[in-house]
N, C-alpha and C. Protein backbone atom coordinates (compact mmCIF):
# COMPACT_ATOMS: atom_id res chain seq x y z
N MET A 1 11.64 97.76 -146.93
CA MET A 1 12.34 97.57 -148.20
C MET A 1 13.72 96.96 -147.96
N GLU A 2 14.42 97.55 -147.00
CA GLU A 2 15.74 97.03 -146.67
C GLU A 2 15.66 95.60 -146.15
N LYS A 3 14.59 95.31 -145.38
CA LYS A 3 14.39 93.95 -144.83
C LYS A 3 14.21 92.95 -145.95
N GLU A 4 13.42 93.32 -146.97
CA GLU A 4 13.18 92.42 -148.11
C GLU A 4 14.47 92.16 -148.87
N GLU A 5 15.27 93.23 -149.05
CA GLU A 5 16.54 93.07 -149.76
C GLU A 5 17.48 92.14 -148.99
N SER A 6 17.48 92.28 -147.64
CA SER A 6 18.34 91.42 -146.81
C SER A 6 17.92 89.96 -146.90
N GLU A 7 16.58 89.71 -146.87
CA GLU A 7 16.08 88.33 -146.98
C GLU A 7 16.41 87.75 -148.33
N ASN A 8 16.24 88.57 -149.38
CA ASN A 8 16.55 88.09 -150.74
C ASN A 8 18.02 87.73 -150.86
N LYS A 9 18.86 88.54 -150.20
CA LYS A 9 20.29 88.29 -150.25
C LYS A 9 20.64 86.98 -149.53
N GLU A 10 20.02 86.75 -148.37
CA GLU A 10 20.26 85.51 -147.62
C GLU A 10 19.79 84.30 -148.41
N ASN A 11 18.62 84.41 -149.03
CA ASN A 11 18.10 83.31 -149.84
C ASN A 11 19.03 83.00 -151.00
N GLN A 12 19.58 84.04 -151.60
CA GLN A 12 20.49 83.85 -152.73
C GLN A 12 21.77 83.15 -152.27
N ASN A 13 22.24 83.54 -151.08
CA ASN A 13 23.45 82.90 -150.53
C ASN A 13 23.22 81.42 -150.26
N LEU A 14 22.04 81.09 -149.72
CA LEU A 14 21.71 79.68 -149.46
C LEU A 14 21.65 78.89 -150.76
N LYS A 15 21.07 79.51 -151.79
CA LYS A 15 20.98 78.84 -153.09
C LYS A 15 22.37 78.59 -153.65
N ASP A 16 23.23 79.59 -153.51
CA ASP A 16 24.61 79.45 -154.02
C ASP A 16 25.34 78.33 -153.28
N GLU A 17 25.16 78.26 -151.94
CA GLU A 17 25.82 77.21 -151.16
C GLU A 17 25.31 75.83 -151.55
N ASN A 18 24.00 75.70 -151.70
CA ASN A 18 23.42 74.42 -152.11
C ASN A 18 23.90 74.02 -153.49
N SER A 19 24.02 75.02 -154.35
CA SER A 19 24.49 74.75 -155.71
C SER A 19 25.92 74.23 -155.69
N GLU A 20 26.76 74.84 -154.84
CA GLU A 20 28.16 74.42 -154.74
C GLU A 20 28.26 73.00 -154.17
N LEU A 21 27.45 72.70 -153.16
CA LEU A 21 27.43 71.35 -152.58
C LEU A 21 27.00 70.32 -153.60
N SER A 22 26.00 70.67 -154.36
CA SER A 22 25.50 69.78 -155.41
C SER A 22 26.56 69.52 -156.46
N LYS A 23 27.29 70.58 -156.82
CA LYS A 23 28.36 70.43 -157.81
C LYS A 23 29.47 69.54 -157.28
N ASP A 24 29.84 69.74 -155.99
CA ASP A 24 30.90 68.92 -155.39
C ASP A 24 30.50 67.45 -155.35
N LYS A 25 29.24 67.19 -154.98
CA LYS A 25 28.75 65.82 -154.92
C LYS A 25 28.76 65.18 -156.30
N GLN A 26 28.32 65.96 -157.27
CA GLN A 26 28.27 65.46 -158.64
C GLN A 26 29.67 65.16 -159.16
N ALA A 27 30.61 66.07 -158.82
CA ALA A 27 32.00 65.87 -159.26
C ALA A 27 32.59 64.62 -158.62
N SER A 28 32.27 64.40 -157.31
CA SER A 28 32.77 63.21 -156.60
C SER A 28 32.22 61.94 -157.21
N GLU A 29 30.93 61.94 -157.53
CA GLU A 29 30.30 60.76 -158.15
C GLU A 29 30.88 60.49 -159.52
N GLU A 30 31.15 61.56 -160.27
CA GLU A 30 31.74 61.39 -161.61
C GLU A 30 33.14 60.82 -161.52
N THR A 31 33.90 61.27 -160.50
CA THR A 31 35.27 60.77 -160.30
C THR A 31 35.25 59.28 -159.98
N GLU A 32 34.34 58.88 -159.04
CA GLU A 32 34.22 57.46 -158.69
C GLU A 32 33.81 56.63 -159.89
N LYS A 33 32.91 57.19 -160.71
CA LYS A 33 32.42 56.47 -161.88
C LYS A 33 33.54 56.26 -162.89
N LYS A 34 34.38 57.33 -163.06
CA LYS A 34 35.50 57.22 -163.99
C LYS A 34 36.51 56.18 -163.52
N GLU A 35 36.76 56.17 -162.18
CA GLU A 35 37.70 55.21 -161.63
C GLU A 35 37.21 53.79 -161.84
N GLU A 36 35.89 53.59 -161.65
CA GLU A 36 35.31 52.26 -161.86
C GLU A 36 35.40 51.85 -163.33
N GLU A 37 35.19 52.83 -164.23
CA GLU A 37 35.25 52.53 -165.66
C GLU A 37 36.66 52.16 -166.09
N GLN A 38 37.66 52.71 -165.39
CA GLN A 38 39.05 52.44 -165.74
C GLN A 38 39.52 51.08 -165.24
N LEU A 39 38.78 50.47 -164.29
CA LEU A 39 39.18 49.17 -163.75
C LEU A 39 38.99 48.06 -164.77
N SER A 40 39.90 47.09 -164.72
CA SER A 40 39.77 45.91 -165.58
C SER A 40 38.74 44.97 -164.98
N PRO A 41 38.21 44.05 -165.74
CA PRO A 41 37.23 43.08 -165.22
C PRO A 41 37.75 42.32 -164.01
N GLU A 42 39.06 41.98 -164.05
CA GLU A 42 39.65 41.24 -162.92
C GLU A 42 39.65 42.08 -161.66
N ASP A 43 39.97 43.39 -161.84
CA ASP A 43 39.98 44.28 -160.67
C ASP A 43 38.57 44.47 -160.11
N GLU A 44 37.60 44.57 -161.02
CA GLU A 44 36.21 44.72 -160.59
C GLU A 44 35.76 43.51 -159.78
N ILE A 45 36.14 42.31 -160.27
CA ILE A 45 35.79 41.07 -159.55
C ILE A 45 36.45 41.04 -158.18
N ALA A 46 37.72 41.48 -158.12
CA ALA A 46 38.44 41.51 -156.85
C ALA A 46 37.78 42.49 -155.87
N ASN A 47 37.35 43.66 -156.40
CA ASN A 47 36.68 44.64 -155.56
C ASN A 47 35.36 44.11 -155.02
N LEU A 48 34.62 43.42 -155.91
CA LEU A 48 33.34 42.85 -155.48
C LEU A 48 33.54 41.78 -154.41
N LYS A 49 34.57 40.96 -154.60
CA LYS A 49 34.88 39.92 -153.61
C LYS A 49 35.23 40.56 -152.26
N ASP A 50 36.01 41.65 -152.32
CA ASP A 50 36.41 42.33 -151.09
C ASP A 50 35.19 42.92 -150.37
N LYS A 51 34.28 43.53 -151.15
CA LYS A 51 33.07 44.10 -150.57
C LYS A 51 32.19 43.02 -149.94
N VAL A 52 32.07 41.88 -150.64
CA VAL A 52 31.28 40.76 -150.12
C VAL A 52 31.89 40.23 -148.83
N ALA A 53 33.24 40.10 -148.81
CA ALA A 53 33.94 39.59 -147.63
C ALA A 53 33.75 40.53 -146.43
N ARG A 54 33.84 41.85 -146.68
CA ARG A 54 33.66 42.82 -145.61
C ARG A 54 32.24 42.79 -145.06
N THR A 55 31.27 42.70 -145.99
CA THR A 55 29.86 42.65 -145.58
C THR A 55 29.59 41.40 -144.74
N PHE A 56 30.16 40.27 -145.19
CA PHE A 56 29.96 39.01 -144.45
C PHE A 56 30.59 39.10 -143.06
N ALA A 57 31.80 39.72 -142.98
CA ALA A 57 32.48 39.85 -141.69
C ALA A 57 31.66 40.72 -140.73
N GLU A 58 31.10 41.81 -141.24
CA GLU A 58 30.26 42.69 -140.42
C GLU A 58 29.01 41.96 -139.93
N MET A 59 28.39 41.18 -140.82
CA MET A 59 27.20 40.43 -140.43
C MET A 59 27.53 39.38 -139.38
N GLU A 60 28.71 38.74 -139.51
CA GLU A 60 29.11 37.72 -138.55
C GLU A 60 29.39 38.35 -137.18
N ASN A 61 30.03 39.52 -137.18
CA ASN A 61 30.30 40.22 -135.92
C ASN A 61 29.00 40.62 -135.22
N GLN A 62 28.04 41.10 -136.00
CA GLN A 62 26.75 41.47 -135.44
C GLN A 62 26.03 40.25 -134.88
N ARG A 63 26.13 39.12 -135.59
CA ARG A 63 25.49 37.89 -135.13
C ARG A 63 26.10 37.43 -133.80
N ARG A 64 27.44 37.52 -133.69
CA ARG A 64 28.11 37.10 -132.45
C ARG A 64 27.75 38.01 -131.28
N ARG A 65 27.70 39.33 -131.55
CA ARG A 65 27.31 40.27 -130.50
C ARG A 65 25.90 39.99 -130.00
N PHE A 66 25.01 39.75 -130.96
CA PHE A 66 23.62 39.45 -130.60
C PHE A 66 23.54 38.16 -129.79
N GLU A 67 24.30 37.16 -130.20
CA GLU A 67 24.29 35.87 -129.50
C GLU A 67 24.81 36.02 -128.08
N LYS A 68 25.89 36.82 -127.93
CA LYS A 68 26.46 37.05 -126.61
C LYS A 68 25.49 37.79 -125.70
N GLU A 69 24.85 38.84 -126.24
CA GLU A 69 23.88 39.61 -125.46
C GLU A 69 22.69 38.75 -125.06
N LYS A 70 22.27 37.88 -125.97
CA LYS A 70 21.13 36.99 -125.68
C LYS A 70 21.48 36.01 -124.57
N ASN A 71 22.70 35.43 -124.64
CA ASN A 71 23.12 34.47 -123.62
C ASN A 71 23.26 35.14 -122.25
N GLU A 72 23.84 36.35 -122.23
CA GLU A 72 24.01 37.07 -120.97
C GLU A 72 22.67 37.45 -120.36
N ALA A 73 21.73 37.83 -121.24
CA ALA A 73 20.39 38.18 -120.74
C ALA A 73 19.71 36.97 -120.13
N PHE A 74 19.95 35.79 -120.73
CA PHE A 74 19.34 34.55 -120.23
C PHE A 74 20.00 34.11 -118.92
N GLU A 75 21.34 34.19 -118.86
CA GLU A 75 22.07 33.69 -117.70
C GLU A 75 22.03 34.65 -116.52
N TYR A 76 22.07 35.96 -116.80
CA TYR A 76 22.18 36.94 -115.73
C TYR A 76 20.99 37.89 -115.67
N GLY A 77 19.90 37.50 -116.29
CA GLY A 77 18.72 38.36 -116.31
C GLY A 77 18.17 38.64 -114.93
N GLY A 78 18.36 37.69 -114.00
CA GLY A 78 17.84 37.87 -112.64
C GLY A 78 18.88 38.41 -111.67
N PHE A 79 19.98 38.97 -112.20
CA PHE A 79 21.08 39.43 -111.35
C PHE A 79 20.62 40.48 -110.35
N ALA A 80 19.93 41.52 -110.84
CA ALA A 80 19.48 42.61 -109.97
C ALA A 80 18.47 42.10 -108.94
N PHE A 81 17.57 41.21 -109.39
CA PHE A 81 16.57 40.65 -108.48
C PHE A 81 17.25 39.83 -107.38
N ALA A 82 18.23 39.01 -107.78
CA ALA A 82 18.94 38.18 -106.81
C ALA A 82 19.67 39.05 -105.78
N LYS A 83 20.27 40.14 -106.25
CA LYS A 83 21.00 41.03 -105.35
C LYS A 83 20.06 41.65 -104.31
N GLU A 84 18.87 42.03 -104.75
CA GLU A 84 17.88 42.61 -103.83
C GLU A 84 17.38 41.56 -102.84
N THR A 85 17.24 40.32 -103.31
CA THR A 85 16.72 39.24 -102.46
C THR A 85 17.65 38.93 -101.30
N LEU A 86 18.94 39.22 -101.48
CA LEU A 86 19.91 38.97 -100.40
C LEU A 86 19.55 39.76 -99.14
N ASN A 87 18.83 40.86 -99.33
CA ASN A 87 18.41 41.66 -98.16
C ASN A 87 17.50 40.84 -97.23
N LEU A 88 16.75 39.91 -97.81
CA LEU A 88 15.88 39.06 -96.98
C LEU A 88 16.71 38.18 -96.05
N LEU A 89 17.80 37.64 -96.60
CA LEU A 89 18.69 36.82 -95.77
C LEU A 89 19.31 37.66 -94.66
N ASP A 90 19.71 38.87 -95.00
CA ASP A 90 20.30 39.76 -93.99
C ASP A 90 19.29 40.07 -92.88
N ASN A 91 18.05 40.31 -93.28
CA ASN A 91 17.01 40.62 -92.28
C ASN A 91 16.71 39.43 -91.38
N LEU A 92 16.75 38.24 -91.97
CA LEU A 92 16.56 37.03 -91.16
C LEU A 92 17.66 36.89 -90.12
N GLU A 93 18.89 37.13 -90.55
CA GLU A 93 20.03 37.02 -89.64
C GLU A 93 19.95 38.07 -88.54
N ARG A 94 19.55 39.28 -88.89
CA ARG A 94 19.41 40.34 -87.88
C ARG A 94 18.30 40.00 -86.87
N SER A 95 17.20 39.47 -87.39
CA SER A 95 16.09 39.08 -86.52
C SER A 95 16.53 38.00 -85.54
N LYS A 96 17.30 37.07 -86.04
CA LYS A 96 17.81 35.98 -85.21
C LYS A 96 18.70 36.53 -84.10
N GLN A 97 19.61 37.43 -84.44
CA GLN A 97 20.52 38.01 -83.45
C GLN A 97 19.76 38.84 -82.41
N THR A 98 18.74 39.56 -82.86
CA THR A 98 17.94 40.38 -81.95
C THR A 98 17.20 39.51 -80.94
N LEU A 99 16.62 38.42 -81.45
CA LEU A 99 15.88 37.51 -80.56
C LEU A 99 16.81 36.85 -79.56
N GLU A 100 18.00 36.44 -80.01
CA GLU A 100 18.94 35.75 -79.13
C GLU A 100 19.49 36.67 -78.04
N SER A 101 19.50 37.97 -78.31
CA SER A 101 20.02 38.91 -77.31
C SER A 101 18.91 39.51 -76.42
N ASP A 102 17.67 39.08 -76.66
CA ASP A 102 16.54 39.58 -75.86
C ASP A 102 16.49 38.80 -74.54
N GLU A 103 16.77 39.49 -73.44
CA GLU A 103 16.83 38.85 -72.13
C GLU A 103 15.47 38.32 -71.65
N THR A 104 14.38 38.89 -72.15
CA THR A 104 13.05 38.49 -71.68
C THR A 104 12.65 37.10 -72.17
N ILE A 105 13.23 36.67 -73.28
CA ILE A 105 12.86 35.34 -73.80
C ILE A 105 14.08 34.40 -73.90
N LYS A 106 15.20 34.87 -73.40
CA LYS A 106 16.41 34.07 -73.48
C LYS A 106 16.26 32.75 -72.72
N ASP A 107 16.79 31.67 -73.32
CA ASP A 107 16.75 30.32 -72.73
C ASP A 107 15.33 29.78 -72.54
N LYS A 108 14.38 30.30 -73.30
CA LYS A 108 13.01 29.79 -73.23
C LYS A 108 12.69 28.97 -74.47
N ASP A 109 11.73 28.07 -74.33
CA ASP A 109 11.35 27.19 -75.45
C ASP A 109 10.82 28.01 -76.64
N THR A 110 10.15 29.11 -76.32
CA THR A 110 9.60 29.95 -77.40
C THR A 110 10.72 30.46 -78.31
N LEU A 111 11.81 30.90 -77.71
CA LEU A 111 12.94 31.39 -78.48
C LEU A 111 13.55 30.28 -79.34
N LYS A 112 13.69 29.11 -78.74
CA LYS A 112 14.28 27.98 -79.47
C LYS A 112 13.46 27.63 -80.71
N LYS A 113 12.13 27.66 -80.56
CA LYS A 113 11.26 27.35 -81.69
C LYS A 113 11.36 28.41 -82.79
N LEU A 114 11.42 29.67 -82.36
CA LEU A 114 11.55 30.77 -83.32
C LEU A 114 12.87 30.66 -84.11
N ILE A 115 13.93 30.36 -83.38
CA ILE A 115 15.25 30.23 -84.03
C ILE A 115 15.25 29.04 -85.00
N GLU A 116 14.60 27.97 -84.61
CA GLU A 116 14.50 26.80 -85.49
C GLU A 116 13.80 27.16 -86.80
N HIS A 117 12.70 27.90 -86.69
CA HIS A 117 11.94 28.31 -87.88
C HIS A 117 12.77 29.25 -88.76
N ILE A 118 13.48 30.16 -88.14
CA ILE A 118 14.33 31.10 -88.89
C ILE A 118 15.43 30.34 -89.63
N ASN A 119 16.02 29.35 -88.97
CA ASN A 119 17.07 28.54 -89.60
C ASN A 119 16.53 27.74 -90.78
N ILE A 120 15.30 27.25 -90.65
CA ILE A 120 14.67 26.48 -91.74
C ILE A 120 14.43 27.39 -92.96
N ILE A 121 13.91 28.59 -92.70
CA ILE A 121 13.68 29.55 -93.79
C ILE A 121 14.99 29.93 -94.47
N ASN A 122 16.01 30.18 -93.64
CA ASN A 122 17.34 30.55 -94.16
C ASN A 122 17.90 29.42 -95.03
N LYS A 123 17.75 28.19 -94.55
CA LYS A 123 18.25 27.02 -95.29
C LYS A 123 17.52 26.85 -96.61
N ASP A 124 16.20 27.07 -96.61
CA ASP A 124 15.41 26.94 -97.83
C ASP A 124 15.81 28.01 -98.86
N MET A 125 16.06 29.21 -98.39
CA MET A 125 16.45 30.29 -99.30
C MET A 125 17.81 30.00 -99.93
N ILE A 126 18.75 29.52 -99.11
CA ILE A 126 20.08 29.15 -99.64
C ILE A 126 19.95 28.06 -100.69
N SER A 127 19.04 27.10 -100.43
CA SER A 127 18.81 25.99 -101.37
C SER A 127 18.25 26.51 -102.70
N ILE A 128 17.32 27.46 -102.62
CA ILE A 128 16.74 28.06 -103.84
C ILE A 128 17.82 28.82 -104.61
N PHE A 129 18.68 29.53 -103.88
CA PHE A 129 19.77 30.25 -104.53
C PHE A 129 20.68 29.29 -105.29
N LYS A 130 21.02 28.16 -104.65
CA LYS A 130 21.93 27.21 -105.28
C LYS A 130 21.33 26.63 -106.56
N LYS A 131 20.01 26.41 -106.55
CA LYS A 131 19.35 25.90 -107.75
C LYS A 131 19.43 26.90 -108.90
N ASN A 132 19.62 28.17 -108.55
CA ASN A 132 19.72 29.23 -109.56
C ASN A 132 21.16 29.73 -109.72
N ASN A 133 22.11 28.83 -109.38
CA ASN A 133 23.54 29.10 -109.56
C ASN A 133 24.05 30.29 -108.74
N ILE A 134 23.45 30.50 -107.57
CA ILE A 134 23.91 31.53 -106.65
C ILE A 134 24.51 30.84 -105.43
N GLU A 135 25.81 31.00 -105.24
CA GLU A 135 26.51 30.28 -104.18
C GLU A 135 27.14 31.25 -103.19
N PRO A 136 27.11 30.92 -101.88
CA PRO A 136 27.80 31.77 -100.90
C PRO A 136 29.32 31.67 -101.07
N ILE A 137 30.01 32.75 -100.79
CA ILE A 137 31.46 32.79 -100.91
C ILE A 137 32.09 32.26 -99.62
N LYS A 138 33.10 31.39 -99.75
CA LYS A 138 33.80 30.90 -98.57
C LYS A 138 34.60 32.04 -97.95
N ALA A 139 34.55 32.12 -96.65
CA ALA A 139 35.22 33.24 -95.99
C ALA A 139 36.05 32.80 -94.79
N ILE A 140 35.41 32.21 -93.77
CA ILE A 140 36.10 31.87 -92.53
C ILE A 140 37.31 30.97 -92.80
N ASN A 141 38.47 31.37 -92.25
CA ASN A 141 39.75 30.67 -92.37
C ASN A 141 40.35 30.72 -93.79
N GLU A 142 39.72 31.50 -94.66
CA GLU A 142 40.28 31.69 -96.00
C GLU A 142 41.20 32.91 -96.00
N LYS A 143 42.15 32.92 -96.93
CA LYS A 143 43.02 34.08 -97.09
C LYS A 143 42.23 35.20 -97.76
N LEU A 144 42.40 36.42 -97.30
CA LEU A 144 41.65 37.55 -97.85
C LEU A 144 41.91 37.69 -99.35
N ASP A 145 40.83 37.69 -100.12
CA ASP A 145 40.90 37.87 -101.56
C ASP A 145 40.13 39.16 -101.91
N PRO A 146 40.83 40.21 -102.33
CA PRO A 146 40.15 41.49 -102.63
C PRO A 146 39.06 41.37 -103.69
N ASN A 147 39.13 40.33 -104.52
CA ASN A 147 38.11 40.12 -105.54
C ASN A 147 36.81 39.55 -104.97
N LEU A 148 36.91 38.96 -103.77
CA LEU A 148 35.74 38.30 -103.18
C LEU A 148 35.36 38.86 -101.80
N HIS A 149 36.37 39.36 -101.09
CA HIS A 149 36.16 39.80 -99.72
C HIS A 149 36.49 41.28 -99.55
N GLN A 150 35.82 41.89 -98.60
CA GLN A 150 36.09 43.28 -98.25
C GLN A 150 36.38 43.36 -96.76
N ALA A 151 37.62 43.68 -96.43
CA ALA A 151 38.03 43.72 -95.01
C ALA A 151 37.47 44.97 -94.34
N MET A 152 36.75 44.76 -93.25
CA MET A 152 36.13 45.86 -92.51
C MET A 152 36.90 46.20 -91.23
N MET A 153 37.65 45.21 -90.70
CA MET A 153 38.41 45.45 -89.48
C MET A 153 39.50 44.39 -89.34
N GLU A 154 40.43 44.66 -88.41
CA GLU A 154 41.49 43.70 -88.10
C GLU A 154 41.31 43.21 -86.66
N VAL A 155 41.57 41.93 -86.46
CA VAL A 155 41.44 41.33 -85.13
C VAL A 155 42.78 40.68 -84.78
N GLU A 156 43.30 41.02 -83.61
CA GLU A 156 44.57 40.44 -83.18
C GLU A 156 44.40 38.95 -82.89
N ASP A 157 45.23 38.14 -83.57
CA ASP A 157 45.14 36.69 -83.40
C ASP A 157 46.45 36.07 -83.85
N ASP A 158 47.26 35.63 -82.88
CA ASP A 158 48.55 35.02 -83.20
C ASP A 158 48.43 33.58 -83.68
N THR A 159 47.25 32.99 -83.56
CA THR A 159 47.07 31.59 -83.98
C THR A 159 46.82 31.48 -85.49
N LYS A 160 46.58 32.62 -86.16
CA LYS A 160 46.28 32.62 -87.59
C LYS A 160 47.35 33.40 -88.35
N ASP A 161 47.57 33.02 -89.59
CA ASP A 161 48.45 33.81 -90.44
C ASP A 161 47.81 35.18 -90.69
N GLN A 162 48.65 36.17 -90.80
CA GLN A 162 48.13 37.52 -91.02
C GLN A 162 47.32 37.58 -92.32
N GLY A 163 46.16 38.27 -92.26
CA GLY A 163 45.31 38.37 -93.45
C GLY A 163 44.33 37.24 -93.58
N THR A 164 44.28 36.34 -92.58
CA THR A 164 43.30 35.25 -92.59
C THR A 164 41.96 35.76 -92.08
N ILE A 165 40.89 35.34 -92.72
CA ILE A 165 39.56 35.79 -92.30
C ILE A 165 39.13 35.03 -91.04
N VAL A 166 38.84 35.78 -89.99
CA VAL A 166 38.46 35.17 -88.72
C VAL A 166 37.00 35.44 -88.35
N GLN A 167 36.38 36.37 -89.06
CA GLN A 167 34.98 36.69 -88.77
C GLN A 167 34.28 37.14 -90.05
N GLU A 168 33.05 36.67 -90.23
CA GLU A 168 32.25 37.07 -91.38
C GLU A 168 31.14 37.99 -90.90
N ILE A 169 31.23 39.26 -91.28
CA ILE A 169 30.25 40.25 -90.84
C ILE A 169 28.99 40.18 -91.70
N GLN A 170 29.19 40.01 -93.01
CA GLN A 170 28.06 39.85 -93.93
C GLN A 170 28.47 38.86 -95.03
N LYS A 171 27.62 37.86 -95.26
CA LYS A 171 27.94 36.81 -96.22
C LYS A 171 27.91 37.35 -97.65
N GLY A 172 28.91 36.96 -98.43
CA GLY A 172 28.97 37.34 -99.84
C GLY A 172 28.48 36.22 -100.73
N PHE A 173 28.12 36.56 -101.97
CA PHE A 173 27.57 35.57 -102.90
C PHE A 173 28.10 35.78 -104.32
N MET A 174 28.20 34.66 -105.05
CA MET A 174 28.55 34.67 -106.47
C MET A 174 27.34 34.18 -107.26
N MET A 175 27.13 34.76 -108.44
CA MET A 175 26.14 34.25 -109.38
C MET A 175 26.90 33.73 -110.59
N LYS A 176 27.06 32.41 -110.66
CA LYS A 176 27.93 31.78 -111.65
C LYS A 176 29.34 32.35 -111.49
N ASP A 177 29.85 33.04 -112.51
CA ASP A 177 31.21 33.58 -112.41
C ASP A 177 31.22 35.07 -112.11
N ARG A 178 30.07 35.61 -111.72
CA ARG A 178 29.98 37.04 -111.40
C ARG A 178 29.79 37.26 -109.90
N LEU A 179 30.44 38.31 -109.41
CA LEU A 179 30.31 38.66 -108.00
C LEU A 179 28.98 39.36 -107.78
N LEU A 180 28.13 38.73 -106.95
CA LEU A 180 26.84 39.34 -106.63
C LEU A 180 27.04 40.41 -105.56
N ARG A 181 27.82 40.06 -104.54
CA ARG A 181 28.26 41.04 -103.56
C ARG A 181 29.42 40.42 -102.77
N PRO A 182 30.39 41.23 -102.33
CA PRO A 182 31.54 40.68 -101.60
C PRO A 182 31.19 40.35 -100.15
N SER A 183 31.99 39.48 -99.57
CA SER A 183 31.83 39.17 -98.14
C SER A 183 32.48 40.29 -97.33
N LEU A 184 31.76 40.78 -96.32
CA LEU A 184 32.33 41.76 -95.41
C LEU A 184 32.94 40.99 -94.25
N VAL A 185 34.25 41.17 -94.03
CA VAL A 185 34.95 40.29 -93.09
C VAL A 185 35.90 41.05 -92.17
N ALA A 186 36.35 40.32 -91.14
CA ALA A 186 37.42 40.80 -90.26
C ALA A 186 38.60 39.85 -90.45
N VAL A 187 39.80 40.41 -90.53
CA VAL A 187 40.99 39.59 -90.79
C VAL A 187 41.93 39.62 -89.59
N SER A 188 42.76 38.60 -89.52
CA SER A 188 43.68 38.47 -88.38
C SER A 188 44.86 39.43 -88.50
N LYS A 189 45.35 39.83 -87.33
CA LYS A 189 46.51 40.71 -87.25
C LYS A 189 47.38 40.24 -86.10
N LYS A 190 48.68 40.19 -86.33
CA LYS A 190 49.61 39.71 -85.30
C LYS A 190 49.73 40.71 -84.16
N LYS A 191 49.71 40.20 -82.91
CA LYS A 191 49.87 41.05 -81.74
C LYS A 191 51.29 41.60 -81.66
N VAL A 192 52.23 40.83 -82.20
CA VAL A 192 53.64 41.21 -82.14
C VAL A 192 53.84 42.59 -82.77
N GLU A 193 53.15 42.86 -83.85
CA GLU A 193 53.28 44.13 -84.54
C GLU A 193 52.94 45.29 -83.61
N LYS A 194 51.86 45.12 -82.87
CA LYS A 194 51.43 46.17 -81.94
C LYS A 194 52.49 46.38 -80.86
N GLU A 195 53.05 45.26 -80.34
CA GLU A 195 54.07 45.36 -79.31
C GLU A 195 55.32 46.05 -79.84
N GLN A 196 55.70 45.73 -81.09
CA GLN A 196 56.87 46.37 -81.70
C GLN A 196 56.64 47.86 -81.89
N ASN A 197 55.44 48.19 -82.33
CA ASN A 197 55.11 49.61 -82.53
C ASN A 197 55.14 50.37 -81.21
N ASN A 198 54.61 49.73 -80.16
CA ASN A 198 54.63 50.36 -78.83
C ASN A 198 56.07 50.56 -78.34
N LYS A 199 56.92 49.57 -78.64
CA LYS A 199 58.32 49.63 -78.23
C LYS A 199 59.03 50.78 -78.93
N LYS A 200 58.76 50.93 -80.24
CA LYS A 200 59.38 52.02 -81.01
C LYS A 200 58.93 53.38 -80.50
N VAL A 201 57.64 53.49 -80.21
CA VAL A 201 57.10 54.74 -79.68
C VAL A 201 57.76 55.07 -78.34
N LYS A 202 57.94 54.05 -77.51
CA LYS A 202 58.55 54.25 -76.20
C LYS A 202 59.99 54.70 -76.33
N GLU A 203 60.74 54.09 -77.28
CA GLU A 203 62.13 54.47 -77.50
C GLU A 203 62.23 55.92 -77.97
N ILE A 204 61.33 56.30 -78.86
CA ILE A 204 61.33 57.69 -79.36
C ILE A 204 61.04 58.66 -78.24
N GLU A 205 60.08 58.31 -77.37
CA GLU A 205 59.71 59.19 -76.26
C GLU A 205 60.89 59.32 -75.28
N GLU A 206 61.62 58.22 -75.05
CA GLU A 206 62.77 58.27 -74.15
C GLU A 206 63.89 59.15 -74.70
N LYS A 207 64.12 59.07 -76.01
CA LYS A 207 65.16 59.90 -76.64
C LYS A 207 64.79 61.37 -76.56
N GLU A 208 63.52 61.67 -76.79
CA GLU A 208 63.08 63.05 -76.73
C GLU A 208 63.18 63.60 -75.32
N ALA A 209 62.92 62.72 -74.34
CA ALA A 209 63.00 63.14 -72.93
C ALA A 209 64.46 63.47 -72.54
N LYS A 210 65.42 62.68 -73.07
CA LYS A 210 66.83 62.91 -72.77
C LYS A 210 67.30 64.22 -73.41
N ASN A 211 66.79 64.48 -74.60
CA ASN A 211 67.20 65.71 -75.30
C ASN A 211 66.58 66.94 -74.62
């Protein structure tokens, strides 16, 4: 009995809440209707023009977004595939290095022929990439650019300006104006810096020894 009374009470509360919401909605609609009725014909025309202008602007923005997304999908749709394909080039390069360091076939005609074939395949793949707007990033003797290159190590070299790329560990690529992957490189470092640092360390050690 008590359970039924509790359920009836809850149902009544829900009805009362729905009734209040309905009244509020009705009151809001009546207020808007009264405001519209109070507007002059000129104001109504101005409001309609404003609504039409807003609707047109929203439609134009949606059209531009759709156009941009469509163009990007067309131009960069193969981005992920191209990035994965770069692994084939890496594997070719590793295979080449492994064969060249194998003492059992070093300086033999068999090795030379294998290397020739690997170079041909590598060249063909680069050519296919270029046809699809995928270009290798310039690295050797270029100044380190954090947007294109990733420095992996420093190499002492007084013949180059500091920060100049002296070794390419892994070739980087661009797809049109997008970075497909950065070049992994080694950059030059002045030997003088090391000598100066050693000199400072030595001076500090001598002072500590005197103290």
